[in-house]
Amino acid sequence: MKFILDREFNDSIDILCKKCGELQSKCICNNVNRKILSSNQYTIKSSLKKVKNKIISSFYPFYIDNEKDILSTLKKRLGCGGSIEIIDDYVVINLQGDIIEKAKIELQKLGFNIH
């Protein structure tokens, strides 16, 4: 019996994607074609929502490809937690707490138009 390992050998477990139901190695959710626009071509809106008795400040739509860097910067400057949601062709940044006004100031410093 002969075993041959090729370059793309991976011994990790391939799980199902919760969104599309495909194996993660063949998942199409992460390969969605998103629009990428410069920050002065659109306006960021904000809203407050309550999820599991916690207040969440949401900012949308972001048409960027470096959303993790923006989230990290906001979390550090504002001292809060946060997450990213990808909806269709844009990104939503959720930050913990009622910090809309502070976050608007920081987003303006980063060069975004705020509504």
C-alpha atoms as a PDB file:
ATOM      1  CA  MET A   1       0.000   0.000   0.000  1.00  0.00           C
ATOM      2  CA  LYS A   2       1.376   3.366  -1.034  1.00  0.00           C
ATOM      3  CA  PHE A   3       0.365   6.791   0.338  1.00  0.00           C
ATOM      4  CA  ILE A   4       1.029   9.923  -1.634  1.00  0.00           C
ATOM      5  CA  LEU A   5       0.689  13.381  -0.099  1.00  0.00           C
ATOM      6  CA  ASP A   6       0.252  16.200  -2.533  1.00  0.00           C
ATOM      7  CA  ARG A   7       0.875  19.905  -1.889  1.00  0.00           C
ATOM      8  CA  GLU A   8      -2.716  20.681  -1.022  1.00  0.00           C
ATOM      9  CA  PHE A   9      -3.040  17.991   1.629  1.00  0.00           C
ATOM     10  CA  ASN A  10      -5.021  19.200   4.632  1.00  0.00           C
ATOM     11  CA  ASP A  11      -5.895  17.003   7.581  1.00  0.00           C
ATOM     12  CA  SER A  12      -8.394  19.393   9.159  1.00  0.00           C
ATOM     13  CA  ILE A  13     -12.103  18.644   9.348  1.00  0.00           C
ATOM     14  CA  ASP A  14     -14.219  20.250   6.633  1.00  0.00           C
ATOM     15  CA  ILE A  15     -17.477  21.478   8.209  1.00  0.00           C
ATOM     16  CA  LEU A  16     -20.675  22.760   6.634  1.00  0.00           C
ATOM     17  CA  CYS A  17     -21.233  26.481   6.124  1.00  0.00           C
ATOM     18  CA  LYS A  18     -24.235  27.725   8.120  1.00  0.00           C
ATOM     19  CA  LYS A  19     -25.318  30.127   5.359  1.00  0.00           C
ATOM     20  CA  CYS A  20     -25.126  28.137   2.135  1.00  0.00           C
ATOM     21  CA  GLY A  21     -24.929  24.529   3.393  1.00  0.00           C
ATOM     22  CA  GLU A  22     -21.836  23.693   1.329  1.00  0.00           C
ATOM     23  CA  LEU A  23     -18.580  22.366   2.734  1.00  0.00           C
ATOM     24  CA  GLN A  24     -16.392  25.230   3.942  1.00  0.00           C
ATOM     25  CA  SER A  25     -13.719  24.368   1.382  1.00  0.00           C
ATOM     26  CA  LYS A  26     -16.303  24.878  -1.391  1.00  0.00           C
ATOM     27  CA  CYS A  27     -18.282  27.666   0.315  1.00  0.00           C
ATOM     28  CA  ILE A  28     -19.480  30.474  -1.925  1.00  0.00           C
ATOM     29  CA  CYS A  29     -20.476  32.864   0.875  1.00  0.00           C
ATOM     30  CA  ASN A  30     -16.985  34.297   1.366  1.00  0.00           C
ATOM     31  CA  ASN A  31     -16.479  34.761  -2.368  1.00  0.00           C
ATOM     32  CA  VAL A  32     -19.406  37.138  -2.817  1.00  0.00           C
ATOM     33  CA  ASN A  33     -18.592  39.956  -5.199  1.00  0.00           C
ATOM     34  CA  ARG A  34     -18.816  43.070  -3.067  1.00  0.00           C
ATOM     35  CA  LYS A  35     -18.697  46.607  -4.342  1.00  0.00           C
ATOM     36  CA  ILE A  36     -15.606  48.541  -3.324  1.00  0.00           C
ATOM     37  CA  LEU A  37     -15.990  52.332  -3.395  1.00  0.00           C
ATOM     38  CA  SER A  38     -13.860  55.173  -2.105  1.00  0.00           C
ATOM     39  CA  SER A  39     -15.033  56.564   1.230  1.00  0.00           C
ATOM     40  CA  ASN A  40     -16.269  59.872  -0.232  1.00  0.00           C
ATOM     41  CA  GLN A  41     -18.698  58.202  -2.687  1.00  0.00           C
ATOM     42  CA  TYR A  42     -21.253  57.114  -0.081  1.00  0.00           C
ATOM     43  CA  THR A  43     -22.660  58.152   3.294  1.00  0.00           C
ATOM     44  CA  ILE A  44     -22.581  56.056   6.459  1.00  0.00           C
ATOM     45  CA  LYS A  45     -25.831  55.760   8.409  1.00  0.00           C
ATOM     46  CA  SER A  46     -26.197  54.693  12.025  1.00  0.00           C
ATOM     47  CA  SER A  47     -28.822  53.011  14.153  1.00  0.00           C
ATOM     48  CA  LEU A  48     -29.317  51.626  17.643  1.00  0.00           C
ATOM     49  CA  LYS A  49     -30.755  48.199  18.271  1.00  0.00           C
ATOM     50  CA  LYS A  50     -31.208  45.978  21.269  1.00  0.00           C
ATOM     51  CA  VAL A  51     -29.972  42.393  21.067  1.00  0.00           C
ATOM     52  CA  LYS A  52     -30.331  40.121  24.105  1.00  0.00           C
ATOM     53  CA  ASN A  53     -30.807  43.140  26.413  1.00  0.00           C
ATOM     54  CA  LYS A  54     -27.608  44.774  25.131  1.00  0.00           C
ATOM     55  CA  ILE A  55     -27.503  47.977  23.106  1.00  0.00           C
ATOM     56  CA  ILE A  56     -25.688  47.748  19.775  1.00  0.00           C
ATOM     57  CA  SER A  57     -24.638  50.735  17.630  1.00  0.00           C
ATOM     58  CA  SER A  58     -24.702  49.788  13.939  1.00  0.00           C
ATOM     59  CA  PHE A  59     -23.003  51.647  11.105  1.00  0.00           C
ATOM     60  CA  TYR A  60     -23.753  50.864   7.452  1.00  0.00           C
ATOM     61  CA  PRO A  61     -23.167  50.594   4.469  1.00  0.00           C
ATOM     62  CA  PHE A  62     -19.408  50.270   4.148  1.00  0.00           C
ATOM     63  CA  TYR A  63     -18.160  49.441   0.644  1.00  0.00           C
ATOM     64  CA  ILE A  64     -14.614  48.613   1.721  1.00  0.00           C
ATOM     65  CA  ASP A  65     -12.304  45.624   1.667  1.00  0.00           C
ATOM     66  CA  ASN A  66     -10.394  46.400   4.882  1.00  0.00           C
ATOM     67  CA  GLU A  67     -13.340  46.172   7.277  1.00  0.00           C
ATOM     68  CA  LYS A  68     -11.312  44.264   9.866  1.00  0.00           C
ATOM     69  CA  ASP A  69      -8.794  47.115  10.098  1.00  0.00           C
ATOM     70  CA  ILE A  70     -11.571  49.710  10.496  1.00  0.00           C
ATOM     71  CA  LEU A  71     -13.285  47.594  13.175  1.00  0.00           C
ATOM     72  CA  SER A  72     -10.021  47.099  15.039  1.00  0.00           C
ATOM     73  CA  THR A  73      -9.277  50.838  14.974  1.00  0.00           C
ATOM     74  CA  LEU A  74     -12.762  51.738  16.227  1.00  0.00           C
ATOM     75  CA  LYS A  75     -12.644  49.134  19.001  1.00  0.00           C
ATOM     76  CA  LYS A  76      -9.283  50.430  20.232  1.00  0.00           C
ATOM     77  CA  ARG A  77     -10.216  54.118  20.083  1.00  0.00           C
ATOM     78  CA  LEU A  78     -13.663  53.675  21.651  1.00  0.00           C
ATOM     79  CA  GLY A  79     -12.820  50.937  24.151  1.00  0.00           C
ATOM     80  CA  CYS A  80     -15.637  48.606  23.167  1.00  0.00           C
ATOM     81  CA  GLY A  81     -16.329  45.288  21.504  1.00  0.00           C
ATOM     82  CA  GLY A  82     -17.665  44.886  18.028  1.00  0.00           C
ATOM     83  CA  SER A  83     -18.344  42.664  15.055  1.00  0.00           C
ATOM     84  CA  ILE A  84     -18.774  42.712  11.294  1.00  0.00           C
ATOM     85  CA  GLU A  85     -21.762  41.575   9.255  1.00  0.00           C
ATOM     86  CA  ILE A  86     -21.582  41.141   5.498  1.00  0.00           C
ATOM     87  CA  ILE A  87     -24.978  41.761   3.922  1.00  0.00           C
ATOM     88  CA  ASP A  88     -25.297  41.361   0.152  1.00  0.00           C
ATOM     89  CA  ASP A  89     -22.655  43.733  -1.258  1.00  0.00           C
ATOM     90  CA  TYR A  90     -21.899  45.910   1.779  1.00  0.00           C
ATOM     91  CA  VAL A  91     -20.513  45.632   5.312  1.00  0.00           C
ATOM     92  CA  VAL A  92     -22.213  46.543   8.615  1.00  0.00           C
ATOM     93  CA  ILE A  93     -20.038  47.351  11.631  1.00  0.00           C
ATOM     94  CA  ASN A  94     -21.691  46.690  15.013  1.00  0.00           C
ATOM     95  CA  LEU A  95     -20.204  48.205  18.171  1.00  0.00           C
ATOM     96  CA  GLN A  96     -21.282  47.418  21.729  1.00  0.00           C
ATOM     97  CA  GLY A  97     -23.014  50.198  23.638  1.00  0.00           C
ATOM     98  CA  ASP A  98     -24.709  53.495  22.846  1.00  0.00           C
ATOM     99  CA  ILE A  99     -21.645  55.169  21.328  1.00  0.00           C
ATOM    100  CA  ILE A 100     -23.033  56.553  18.084  1.00  0.00           C
ATOM    101  CA  GLU A 101     -21.812  60.145  18.581  1.00  0.00           C
ATOM    102  CA  LYS A 102     -18.276  59.110  19.587  1.00  0.00           C
ATOM    103  CA  ALA A 103     -18.068  56.621  16.720  1.00  0.00           C
ATOM    104  CA  LYS A 104     -19.273  59.225  14.206  1.00  0.00           C
ATOM    105  CA  ILE A 105     -16.385  61.491  15.205  1.00  0.00           C
ATOM    106  CA  GLU A 106     -13.888  58.641  14.801  1.00  0.00           C
ATOM    107  CA  LEU A 107     -15.333  57.616  11.422  1.00  0.00           C
ATOM    108  CA  GLN A 108     -15.045  61.218  10.207  1.00  0.00           C
ATOM    109  CA  LYS A 109     -11.380  61.194  11.280  1.00  0.00           C
ATOM    110  CA  LEU A 110     -10.955  58.057   9.163  1.00  0.00           C
ATOM    111  CA  GLY A 111     -12.394  59.921   6.135  1.00  0.00           C
ATOM    112  CA  PHE A 112     -15.982  58.641   5.931  1.00  0.00           C
ATOM    113  CA  ASN A 113     -19.062  60.783   5.198  1.00  0.00           C
ATOM    114  CA  ILE A 114     -21.551  60.484   8.071  1.00  0.00           C
ATOM    115  CA  HIS A 115     -25.305  61.097   7.884  1.00  0.00           C
END
